[in-house]
Amino acid sequence: MQVGDVTLAYRLLGRGTRPLICIHGVGSYQEAWDDVADLLADDFRILTFDLRGHGRSSRVKGRYEIDDFVADALALADHVGFATFDLAGFSLGGLIAQRLALSHPSRLRRLALLATVSGRTKDERERVLARLAALQSGERGAHYDASLSRWLTEDFQARYPERIAYLRERNAQNDPDCYASAYRVLAETDFGGFIDQIRMPTLIVTGEDDQGSNPRMARFMHECIVGSQLAILPGMRHSILVEAAGQVAGLLRDFLADDVADPQRTGSPA
């Protein structure tokens, strides 16, 4: 689909009727949702897409803004006829989802924030900005190697070397400038001061050992968003779409089907 000067690659998955949009993370691609989408296919009609600068979408050069990504998602939703929809965002996708929930709440039924950030501390901001500076200086390979241990457990890496090789290959296909532009949005965006304005039912999920999107931030969002539900996955790091697809799909299915829940309930602490 063409949105202005940007071509967006997208797919519609699943045999169900309930609309669900899934947004991937920085340096990733829409297929990152495949394992989860396969498990939700009977109940949902799922829209996945490559963010601008990623996958088969236009490799747009220059500065990206969070509202560019939001506008792309809404344009695709309109294009496929999703007047209202459930929204799940992972990592940078979770920031895009937060912004969409704050700016266009009438479009959303339910919101799922997976391994995403809000309310970074001073030390957390400094660490992510240091990674951004290293990336902007051209240390892409070193950045990826350092990230593997933050994303996936050593046990998963040892058991699935072919999957790790595939992830490395896909990462190598990223345009360095586009990757850095998207990573800047991730590093510099934080809706911690506004997160309490989100009013729709919200599910928050992260890994117990996720360093960048850590349980402290997840609990912060849970405390700020009235009626939210929280799940912290034991032993998991950042890439829960890869390593914990079954758990993520189960949480999404239960949460998104729970339409009769009391919106004022506080959820179960993890």
C-alpha atoms as a PDB file:
ATOM      1  CA  MET A   1       0.000   0.000   0.000  1.00  0.00           C
ATOM      2  CA  GLN A   2       1.186   3.521  -0.804  1.00  0.00           C
ATOM      3  CA  VAL A   3       1.048   6.119   2.002  1.00  0.00           C
ATOM      4  CA  GLY A   4       2.366   9.366   0.607  1.00  0.00           C
ATOM      5  CA  ASP A   5       5.886   8.613  -0.591  1.00  0.00           C
ATOM      6  CA  VAL A   6       6.130   5.413   1.469  1.00  0.00           C
ATOM      7  CA  THR A   7       5.225   1.913   0.295  1.00  0.00           C
ATOM      8  CA  LEU A   8       4.131  -0.341   3.169  1.00  0.00           C
ATOM      9  CA  ALA A   9       4.264  -4.136   2.907  1.00  0.00           C
ATOM     10  CA  TYR A  10       1.460  -5.820   4.860  1.00  0.00           C
ATOM     11  CA  ARG A  11      -0.373  -9.116   5.234  1.00  0.00           C
ATOM     12  CA  LEU A  12      -3.767 -10.225   6.526  1.00  0.00           C
ATOM     13  CA  LEU A  13      -3.537 -13.474   8.476  1.00  0.00           C
ATOM     14  CA  GLY A  14      -5.991 -15.728  10.253  1.00  0.00           C
ATOM     15  CA  ARG A  15      -9.462 -17.089   9.641  1.00  0.00           C
ATOM     16  CA  GLY A  16     -11.289 -15.276  12.436  1.00  0.00           C
ATOM     17  CA  THR A  17     -13.311 -12.090  12.275  1.00  0.00           C
ATOM     18  CA  ARG A  18     -12.046 -10.011  15.192  1.00  0.00           C
ATOM     19  CA  PRO A  19      -9.586  -7.357  13.887  1.00  0.00           C
ATOM     20  CA  LEU A  20      -6.135  -7.350  15.474  1.00  0.00           C
ATOM     21  CA  ILE A  21      -3.151  -5.220  14.424  1.00  0.00           C
ATOM     22  CA  CYS A  22       0.318  -6.369  15.505  1.00  0.00           C
ATOM     23  CA  ILE A  23       3.322  -4.017  15.333  1.00  0.00           C
ATOM     24  CA  HIS A  24       6.900  -5.333  15.446  1.00  0.00           C
ATOM     25  CA  GLY A  25      10.044  -3.858  17.019  1.00  0.00           C
ATOM     26  CA  VAL A  26      13.018  -1.899  15.739  1.00  0.00           C
ATOM     27  CA  GLY A  27      15.182  -3.739  13.219  1.00  0.00           C
ATOM     28  CA  SER A  28      12.592  -6.505  12.933  1.00  0.00           C
ATOM     29  CA  TYR A  29       9.868  -7.314  10.388  1.00  0.00           C
ATOM     30  CA  GLN A  30       6.252  -8.435  10.255  1.00  0.00           C
ATOM     31  CA  GLU A  31       7.147 -12.148  10.188  1.00  0.00           C
ATOM     32  CA  ALA A  32       8.306 -11.792  13.794  1.00  0.00           C
ATOM     33  CA  TRP A  33       4.613 -12.203  14.670  1.00  0.00           C
ATOM     34  CA  ASP A  34       4.137 -15.423  12.677  1.00  0.00           C
ATOM     35  CA  ASP A  35       4.462 -17.870  15.582  1.00  0.00           C
ATOM     36  CA  VAL A  36       1.949 -15.920  17.657  1.00  0.00           C
ATOM     37  CA  ALA A  37      -0.374 -15.280  14.702  1.00  0.00           C
ATOM     38  CA  ASP A  38      -0.489 -18.978  13.822  1.00  0.00           C
ATOM     39  CA  LEU A  39      -1.826 -19.713  17.297  1.00  0.00           C
ATOM     40  CA  LEU A  40      -4.475 -16.980  17.074  1.00  0.00           C
ATOM     41  CA  ALA A  41      -5.545 -17.685  13.492  1.00  0.00           C
ATOM     42  CA  ASP A  42      -8.885 -19.323  14.339  1.00  0.00           C
ATOM     43  CA  ASP A  43     -10.213 -16.343  16.275  1.00  0.00           C
ATOM     44  CA  PHE A  44      -8.674 -13.236  14.724  1.00  0.00           C
ATOM     45  CA  ARG A  45      -8.141 -11.429  11.427  1.00  0.00           C
ATOM     46  CA  ILE A  46      -4.591 -10.208  11.937  1.00  0.00           C
ATOM     47  CA  LEU A  47      -2.894  -7.320  10.175  1.00  0.00           C
ATOM     48  CA  THR A  48       0.900  -7.339  10.299  1.00  0.00           C
ATOM     49  CA  PHE A  49       3.150  -4.972   8.382  1.00  0.00           C
ATOM     50  CA  ASP A  50       6.747  -3.905   7.955  1.00  0.00           C
ATOM     51  CA  LEU A  51       7.418  -0.542   9.564  1.00  0.00           C
ATOM     52  CA  ARG A  52       8.804   2.099   7.214  1.00  0.00           C
ATOM     53  CA  GLY A  53      12.528   1.452   6.823  1.00  0.00           C
ATOM     54  CA  HIS A  54      12.074  -2.257   7.563  1.00  0.00           C
ATOM     55  CA  GLY A  55      11.510  -5.480   5.650  1.00  0.00           C
ATOM     56  CA  ARG A  56       9.830  -4.962   2.301  1.00  0.00           C
ATOM     57  CA  SER A  57       8.520  -1.475   3.114  1.00  0.00           C
ATOM     58  CA  SER A  58      10.252   1.613   1.736  1.00  0.00           C
ATOM     59  CA  ARG A  59      13.750   2.204   3.051  1.00  0.00           C
ATOM     60  CA  VAL A  60      12.999   5.820   3.937  1.00  0.00           C
ATOM     61  CA  LYS A  61      16.089   7.867   4.734  1.00  0.00           C
ATOM     62  CA  GLY A  62      16.226  10.677   7.252  1.00  0.00           C
ATOM     63  CA  ARG A  63      14.615  11.287  10.616  1.00  0.00           C
ATOM     64  CA  TYR A  64      11.615   9.232  11.769  1.00  0.00           C
ATOM     65  CA  GLU A  65       9.031  10.412  14.273  1.00  0.00           C
ATOM     66  CA  ILE A  66       6.677   8.289  16.355  1.00  0.00           C
ATOM     67  CA  ASP A  67       3.685   9.888  14.621  1.00  0.00           C
ATOM     68  CA  ASP A  68       4.990   8.707  11.231  1.00  0.00           C
ATOM     69  CA  PHE A  69       4.583   5.129  12.428  1.00  0.00           C
ATOM     70  CA  VAL A  70       1.163   5.862  13.949  1.00  0.00           C
ATOM     71  CA  ALA A  71      -0.075   7.415  10.700  1.00  0.00           C
ATOM     72  CA  ASP A  72       1.162   4.385   8.733  1.00  0.00           C
ATOM     73  CA  ALA A  73      -0.690   1.985  11.052  1.00  0.00           C
ATOM     74  CA  LEU A  74      -3.933   3.950  10.826  1.00  0.00           C
ATOM     75  CA  ALA A  75      -3.688   4.232   7.041  1.00  0.00           C
ATOM     76  CA  LEU A  76      -3.334   0.460   6.794  1.00  0.00           C
ATOM     77  CA  ALA A  77      -6.231  -0.081   9.220  1.00  0.00           C
ATOM     78  CA  ASP A  78      -8.422   2.127   7.025  1.00  0.00           C
ATOM     79  CA  HIS A  79      -7.219   0.366   3.895  1.00  0.00           C
ATOM     80  CA  VAL A  80      -8.227  -3.101   5.129  1.00  0.00           C
ATOM     81  CA  GLY A  81     -11.477  -1.893   6.723  1.00  0.00           C
ATOM     82  CA  PHE A  82     -10.569  -2.047  10.428  1.00  0.00           C
ATOM     83  CA  ALA A  83     -12.714   0.827  11.787  1.00  0.00           C
ATOM     84  CA  THR A  84     -11.942  -0.326  15.334  1.00  0.00           C
ATOM     85  CA  PHE A  85      -9.468  -3.004  16.324  1.00  0.00           C
ATOM     86  CA  ASP A  86      -7.388  -4.619  19.017  1.00  0.00           C
ATOM     87  CA  LEU A  87      -3.761  -3.501  18.987  1.00  0.00           C
ATOM     88  CA  ALA A  88      -0.644  -5.373  20.119  1.00  0.00           C
ATOM     89  CA  GLY A  89       2.776  -3.726  20.010  1.00  0.00           C
ATOM     90  CA  PHE A  90       6.159  -5.248  20.772  1.00  0.00           C
ATOM     91  CA  SER A  91       9.118  -3.085  21.923  1.00  0.00           C
ATOM     92  CA  LEU A  92       9.164  -0.061  19.557  1.00  0.00           C
ATOM     93  CA  GLY A  93       5.784  -1.350  18.402  1.00  0.00           C
ATOM     94  CA  GLY A  94       4.611  -0.985  21.986  1.00  0.00           C
ATOM     95  CA  LEU A  95       5.623   2.680  21.972  1.00  0.00           C
ATOM     96  CA  ILE A  96       3.751   3.166  18.703  1.00  0.00           C
ATOM     97  CA  ALA A  97       0.760   1.429  20.296  1.00  0.00           C
ATOM     98  CA  GLN A  98       0.939   3.709  23.348  1.00  0.00           C
ATOM     99  CA  ARG A  99       0.978   6.791  21.131  1.00  0.00           C
ATOM    100  CA  LEU A 100      -1.934   5.489  19.061  1.00  0.00           C
ATOM    101  CA  ALA A 101      -3.919   4.732  22.226  1.00  0.00           C
ATOM    102  CA  LEU A 102      -3.281   8.253  23.531  1.00  0.00           C
ATOM    103  CA  SER A 103      -3.985  10.078  20.265  1.00  0.00           C
ATOM    104  CA  HIS A 104      -6.764   7.936  18.711  1.00  0.00           C
ATOM    105  CA  PRO A 105      -8.465   6.077  21.591  1.00  0.00           C
ATOM    106  CA  SER A 106     -11.751   5.720  19.712  1.00  0.00           C
ATOM    107  CA  ARG A 107     -10.094   3.381  17.206  1.00  0.00           C
ATOM    108  CA  LEU A 108      -9.041   0.803  19.820  1.00  0.00           C
ATOM    109  CA  ARG A 109     -10.995  -1.903  21.571  1.00  0.00           C
ATOM    110  CA  ARG A 110      -8.161  -3.418  23.605  1.00  0.00           C
ATOM    111  CA  LEU A 111      -4.441  -2.752  23.890  1.00  0.00           C
ATOM    112  CA  ALA A 112      -1.530  -5.146  24.519  1.00  0.00           C
ATOM    113  CA  LEU A 113       1.897  -3.720  25.364  1.00  0.00           C
ATOM    114  CA  LEU A 114       4.581  -6.381  25.011  1.00  0.00           C
ATOM    115  CA  ALA A 115       8.188  -5.917  26.161  1.00  0.00           C
ATOM    116  CA  THR A 116       7.929  -2.170  25.813  1.00  0.00           C
ATOM    117  CA  VAL A 117       9.093   0.854  27.802  1.00  0.00           C
ATOM    118  CA  SER A 118       7.618   3.643  29.866  1.00  0.00           C
ATOM    119  CA  GLY A 119       8.950   5.761  32.713  1.00  0.00           C
ATOM    120  CA  ARG A 120      12.666   5.134  32.211  1.00  0.00           C
ATOM    121  CA  THR A 121      14.910   6.142  35.097  1.00  0.00           C
ATOM    122  CA  LYS A 122      17.905   8.421  34.537  1.00  0.00           C
ATOM    123  CA  ASP A 123      20.251   5.406  34.421  1.00  0.00           C
ATOM    124  CA  GLU A 124      17.974   3.563  31.991  1.00  0.00           C
ATOM    125  CA  ARG A 125      17.852   6.600  29.694  1.00  0.00           C
ATOM    126  CA  GLU A 126      21.629   6.899  29.762  1.00  0.00           C
ATOM    127  CA  ARG A 127      22.124   3.242  28.880  1.00  0.00           C
ATOM    128  CA  VAL A 128      19.778   3.263  25.887  1.00  0.00           C
ATOM    129  CA  LEU A 129      21.241   6.546  24.630  1.00  0.00           C
ATOM    130  CA  ALA A 130      24.723   5.018  24.875  1.00  0.00           C
ATOM    131  CA  ARG A 131      23.553   2.117  22.695  1.00  0.00           C
ATOM    132  CA  LEU A 132      22.073   4.620  20.254  1.00  0.00           C
ATOM    133  CA  ALA A 133      25.363   6.534  20.077  1.00  0.00           C
ATOM    134  CA  ALA A 134      27.278   3.313  19.369  1.00  0.00           C
ATOM    135  CA  LEU A 135      24.794   2.405  16.657  1.00  0.00           C
ATOM    136  CA  GLN A 136      25.006   5.839  15.050  1.00  0.00           C
ATOM    137  CA  SER A 137      28.790   5.593  15.031  1.00  0.00           C
ATOM    138  CA  GLY A 138      28.564   2.539  12.778  1.00  0.00           C
ATOM    139  CA  GLU A 139      29.005  -0.315  15.281  1.00  0.00           C
ATOM    140  CA  ARG A 140      26.052  -2.271  13.885  1.00  0.00           C
ATOM    141  CA  GLY A 141      27.579  -5.728  14.186  1.00  0.00           C
ATOM    142  CA  ALA A 142      28.774  -5.128  17.720  1.00  0.00           C
ATOM    143  CA  HIS A 143      25.350  -3.743  18.621  1.00  0.00           C
ATOM    144  CA  TYR A 144      23.630  -6.895  17.345  1.00  0.00           C
ATOM    145  CA  ASP A 145      26.054  -9.277  19.068  1.00  0.00           C
ATOM    146  CA  ALA A 146      25.609  -7.442  22.357  1.00  0.00           C
ATOM    147  CA  SER A 147      21.848  -7.478  21.891  1.00  0.00           C
ATOM    148  CA  LEU A 148      21.563 -11.256  21.438  1.00  0.00           C
ATOM    149  CA  SER A 149      22.246 -11.886  25.118  1.00  0.00           C
ATOM    150  CA  ARG A 150      19.632  -9.277  26.058  1.00  0.00           C
ATOM    151  CA  TRP A 151      17.035 -10.771  23.704  1.00  0.00           C
ATOM    152  CA  LEU A 152      17.283 -14.547  24.086  1.00  0.00           C
ATOM    153  CA  THR A 153      18.406 -16.956  26.772  1.00  0.00           C
ATOM    154  CA  GLU A 154      21.604 -18.942  26.299  1.00  0.00           C
ATOM    155  CA  ASP A 155      19.560 -22.143  26.444  1.00  0.00           C
ATOM    156  CA  PHE A 156      17.392 -21.029  23.500  1.00  0.00           C
ATOM    157  CA  GLN A 157      20.453 -19.939  21.527  1.00  0.00           C
ATOM    158  CA  ALA A 158      22.097 -23.333  22.114  1.00  0.00           C
ATOM    159  CA  ARG A 159      19.001 -25.373  21.245  1.00  0.00           C
ATOM    160  CA  TYR A 160      18.027 -23.476  18.103  1.00  0.00           C
ATOM    161  CA  PRO A 161      21.207 -22.506  16.236  1.00  0.00           C
ATOM    162  CA  GLU A 162      19.347 -22.464  12.903  1.00  0.00           C
ATOM    163  CA  ARG A 163      16.877 -19.912  14.277  1.00  0.00           C
ATOM    164  CA  ILE A 164      19.751 -17.754  15.544  1.00  0.00           C
ATOM    165  CA  ALA A 165      21.449 -17.973  12.152  1.00  0.00           C
ATOM    166  CA  TYR A 166      18.199 -16.909  10.486  1.00  0.00           C
ATOM    167  CA  LEU A 167      17.798 -13.962  12.866  1.00  0.00           C
ATOM    168  CA  ARG A 168      21.367 -12.896  12.155  1.00  0.00           C
ATOM    169  CA  GLU A 169      20.739 -13.118   8.421  1.00  0.00           C
ATOM    170  CA  ARG A 170      17.580 -11.017   8.674  1.00  0.00           C
ATOM    171  CA  ASN A 171      19.363  -8.437  10.815  1.00  0.00           C
ATOM    172  CA  ALA A 172      22.147  -8.168   8.245  1.00  0.00           C
ATOM    173  CA  GLN A 173      19.517  -7.213   5.670  1.00  0.00           C
ATOM    174  CA  ASN A 174      18.596  -4.070   7.599  1.00  0.00           C
ATOM    175  CA  ASP A 175      19.610  -0.729   6.158  1.00  0.00           C
ATOM    176  CA  PRO A 176      22.004   0.786   8.752  1.00  0.00           C
ATOM    177  CA  ASP A 177      20.614   4.298   8.391  1.00  0.00           C
ATOM    178  CA  CYS A 178      16.999   3.171   8.647  1.00  0.00           C
ATOM    179  CA  TYR A 179      17.821   0.989  11.638  1.00  0.00           C
ATOM    180  CA  ALA A 180      19.501   3.885  13.412  1.00  0.00           C
ATOM    181  CA  SER A 181      16.611   6.223  12.603  1.00  0.00           C
ATOM    182  CA  ALA A 182      14.081   3.790  14.079  1.00  0.00           C
ATOM    183  CA  TYR A 183      16.295   3.063  17.078  1.00  0.00           C
ATOM    184  CA  ARG A 184      16.463   6.798  17.820  1.00  0.00           C
ATOM    185  CA  VAL A 185      12.669   6.816  18.161  1.00  0.00           C
ATOM    186  CA  LEU A 186      12.889   3.861  20.553  1.00  0.00           C
ATOM    187  CA  ALA A 187      15.686   5.447  22.590  1.00  0.00           C
ATOM    188  CA  GLU A 188      14.257   8.943  22.846  1.00  0.00           C
ATOM    189  CA  THR A 189      10.517   8.249  23.220  1.00  0.00           C
ATOM    190  CA  ASP A 190       8.909   7.828  26.621  1.00  0.00           C
ATOM    191  CA  PHE A 191       5.234   8.330  27.456  1.00  0.00           C
ATOM    192  CA  GLY A 192       5.690   7.765  31.180  1.00  0.00           C
ATOM    193  CA  GLY A 193       4.188  11.149  31.981  1.00  0.00           C
ATOM    194  CA  PHE A 194       1.044  10.392  29.979  1.00  0.00           C
ATOM    195  CA  ILE A 195       0.581   6.654  30.389  1.00  0.00           C
ATOM    196  CA  ASP A 196      -2.127   7.117  33.030  1.00  0.00           C
ATOM    197  CA  GLN A 197      -4.331   8.734  30.363  1.00  0.00           C
ATOM    198  CA  ILE A 198      -4.789   5.387  28.613  1.00  0.00           C
ATOM    199  CA  ARG A 199      -8.329   4.297  29.384  1.00  0.00           C
ATOM    200  CA  MET A 200      -9.042   1.178  27.308  1.00  0.00           C
ATOM    201  CA  PRO A 201      -8.477  -2.327  28.721  1.00  0.00           C
ATOM    202  CA  THR A 202      -4.733  -2.994  28.562  1.00  0.00           C
ATOM    203  CA  LEU A 203      -2.533  -6.061  28.897  1.00  0.00           C
ATOM    204  CA  ILE A 204       1.131  -5.551  29.833  1.00  0.00           C
ATOM    205  CA  VAL A 205       3.635  -8.384  29.345  1.00  0.00           C
ATOM    206  CA  THR A 206       7.405  -8.575  29.665  1.00  0.00           C
ATOM    207  CA  GLY A 207      10.115 -11.080  30.473  1.00  0.00           C
ATOM    208  CA  GLU A 208      11.413 -11.484  34.004  1.00  0.00           C
ATOM    209  CA  ASP A 209      14.978 -10.921  32.787  1.00  0.00           C
ATOM    210  CA  ASP A 210      14.288  -8.290  30.117  1.00  0.00           C
ATOM    211  CA  GLN A 211      16.865  -5.571  30.749  1.00  0.00           C
ATOM    212  CA  GLY A 212      15.579  -2.843  28.443  1.00  0.00           C
ATOM    213  CA  SER A 213      11.833  -3.329  28.928  1.00  0.00           C
ATOM    214  CA  ASN A 214      12.157  -4.507  32.470  1.00  0.00           C
ATOM    215  CA  PRO A 215       9.565  -5.639  35.040  1.00  0.00           C
ATOM    216  CA  ARG A 216       9.888  -2.346  36.936  1.00  0.00           C
ATOM    217  CA  MET A 217       8.593  -0.482  33.876  1.00  0.00           C
ATOM    218  CA  ALA A 218       5.855  -3.064  33.350  1.00  0.00           C
ATOM    219  CA  ARG A 219       4.696  -2.649  36.941  1.00  0.00           C
ATOM    220  CA  PHE A 220       4.839   1.136  36.535  1.00  0.00           C
ATOM    221  CA  MET A 221       2.503   0.927  33.517  1.00  0.00           C
ATOM    222  CA  HIS A 222       0.250  -1.510  35.379  1.00  0.00           C
ATOM    223  CA  GLU A 223      -0.041   0.900  38.303  1.00  0.00           C
ATOM    224  CA  CYS A 224      -0.749   3.868  36.021  1.00  0.00           C
ATOM    225  CA  ILE A 225      -3.310   2.305  33.644  1.00  0.00           C
ATOM    226  CA  VAL A 226      -6.555   1.715  35.491  1.00  0.00           C
ATOM    227  CA  GLY A 227      -7.866  -1.805  35.074  1.00  0.00           C
ATOM    228  CA  SER A 228      -4.757  -3.115  33.327  1.00  0.00           C
ATOM    229  CA  GLN A 229      -3.553  -6.697  33.536  1.00  0.00           C
ATOM    230  CA  LEU A 230       0.087  -7.619  34.102  1.00  0.00           C
ATOM    231  CA  ALA A 231       2.049 -10.754  33.231  1.00  0.00           C
ATOM    232  CA  ILE A 232       5.791 -11.215  33.797  1.00  0.00           C
ATOM    233  CA  LEU A 233       7.142 -14.328  32.089  1.00  0.00           C
ATOM    234  CA  PRO A 234       9.604 -16.249  34.280  1.00  0.00           C
ATOM    235  CA  GLY A 235      13.101 -16.674  32.856  1.00  0.00           C
ATOM    236  CA  MET A 236      12.345 -14.799  29.641  1.00  0.00           C
ATOM    237  CA  ARG A 237      14.366 -11.916  28.222  1.00  0.00           C
ATOM    238  CA  HIS A 238      13.290  -9.439  25.542  1.00  0.00           C
ATOM    239  CA  SER A 239      12.327 -11.547  22.506  1.00  0.00           C
ATOM    240  CA  ILE A 240       9.164 -13.086  23.903  1.00  0.00           C
ATOM    241  CA  LEU A 241       7.584 -13.286  20.428  1.00  0.00           C
ATOM    242  CA  VAL A 242      10.350 -15.752  19.525  1.00  0.00           C
ATOM    243  CA  GLU A 243      11.060 -17.644  22.723  1.00  0.00           C
ATOM    244  CA  ALA A 244       7.627 -17.547  24.393  1.00  0.00           C
ATOM    245  CA  ALA A 245       5.185 -17.400  21.467  1.00  0.00           C
ATOM    246  CA  GLY A 246       2.838 -19.927  23.041  1.00  0.00           C
ATOM    247  CA  GLN A 247       2.621 -18.023  26.317  1.00  0.00           C
ATOM    248  CA  VAL A 248       2.149 -14.702  24.536  1.00  0.00           C
ATOM    249  CA  ALA A 249      -0.586 -16.093  22.266  1.00  0.00           C
ATOM    250  CA  GLY A 250      -2.396 -17.612  25.248  1.00  0.00           C
ATOM    251  CA  LEU A 251      -2.307 -14.343  27.168  1.00  0.00           C
ATOM    252  CA  LEU A 252      -3.532 -12.396  24.144  1.00  0.00           C
ATOM    253  CA  ARG A 253      -6.349 -14.845  23.411  1.00  0.00           C
ATOM    254  CA  ASP A 254      -7.623 -14.811  26.999  1.00  0.00           C
ATOM    255  CA  PHE A 255      -7.314 -11.032  27.349  1.00  0.00           C
ATOM    256  CA  LEU A 256      -8.819 -10.049  24.007  1.00  0.00           C
ATOM    257  CA  ALA A 257     -11.760 -12.421  24.460  1.00  0.00           C
ATOM    258  CA  ASP A 258     -12.521 -11.027  27.912  1.00  0.00           C
ATOM    259  CA  ASP A 259     -15.051  -8.420  26.741  1.00  0.00           C
ATOM    260  CA  VAL A 260     -17.306  -8.696  29.770  1.00  0.00           C
ATOM    261  CA  ALA A 261     -14.528  -7.919  32.272  1.00  0.00           C
ATOM    262  CA  ASP A 262     -15.071  -5.073  34.713  1.00  0.00           C
ATOM    263  CA  PRO A 263     -12.953  -2.190  33.345  1.00  0.00           C
ATOM    264  CA  GLN A 264     -12.187  -0.997  36.859  1.00  0.00           C
ATOM    265  CA  ARG A 265     -10.597  -4.209  38.064  1.00  0.00           C
ATOM    266  CA  THR A 266      -6.948  -3.917  38.971  1.00  0.00           C
ATOM    267  CA  GLY A 267      -5.752  -7.116  37.395  1.00  0.00           C
ATOM    268  CA  SER A 268      -3.687  -9.861  38.982  1.00  0.00           C
ATOM    269  CA  PRO A 269      -0.150  -8.988  40.027  1.00  0.00           C
ATOM    270  CA  ALA A 270       2.507 -11.167  38.450  1.00  0.00           C
END
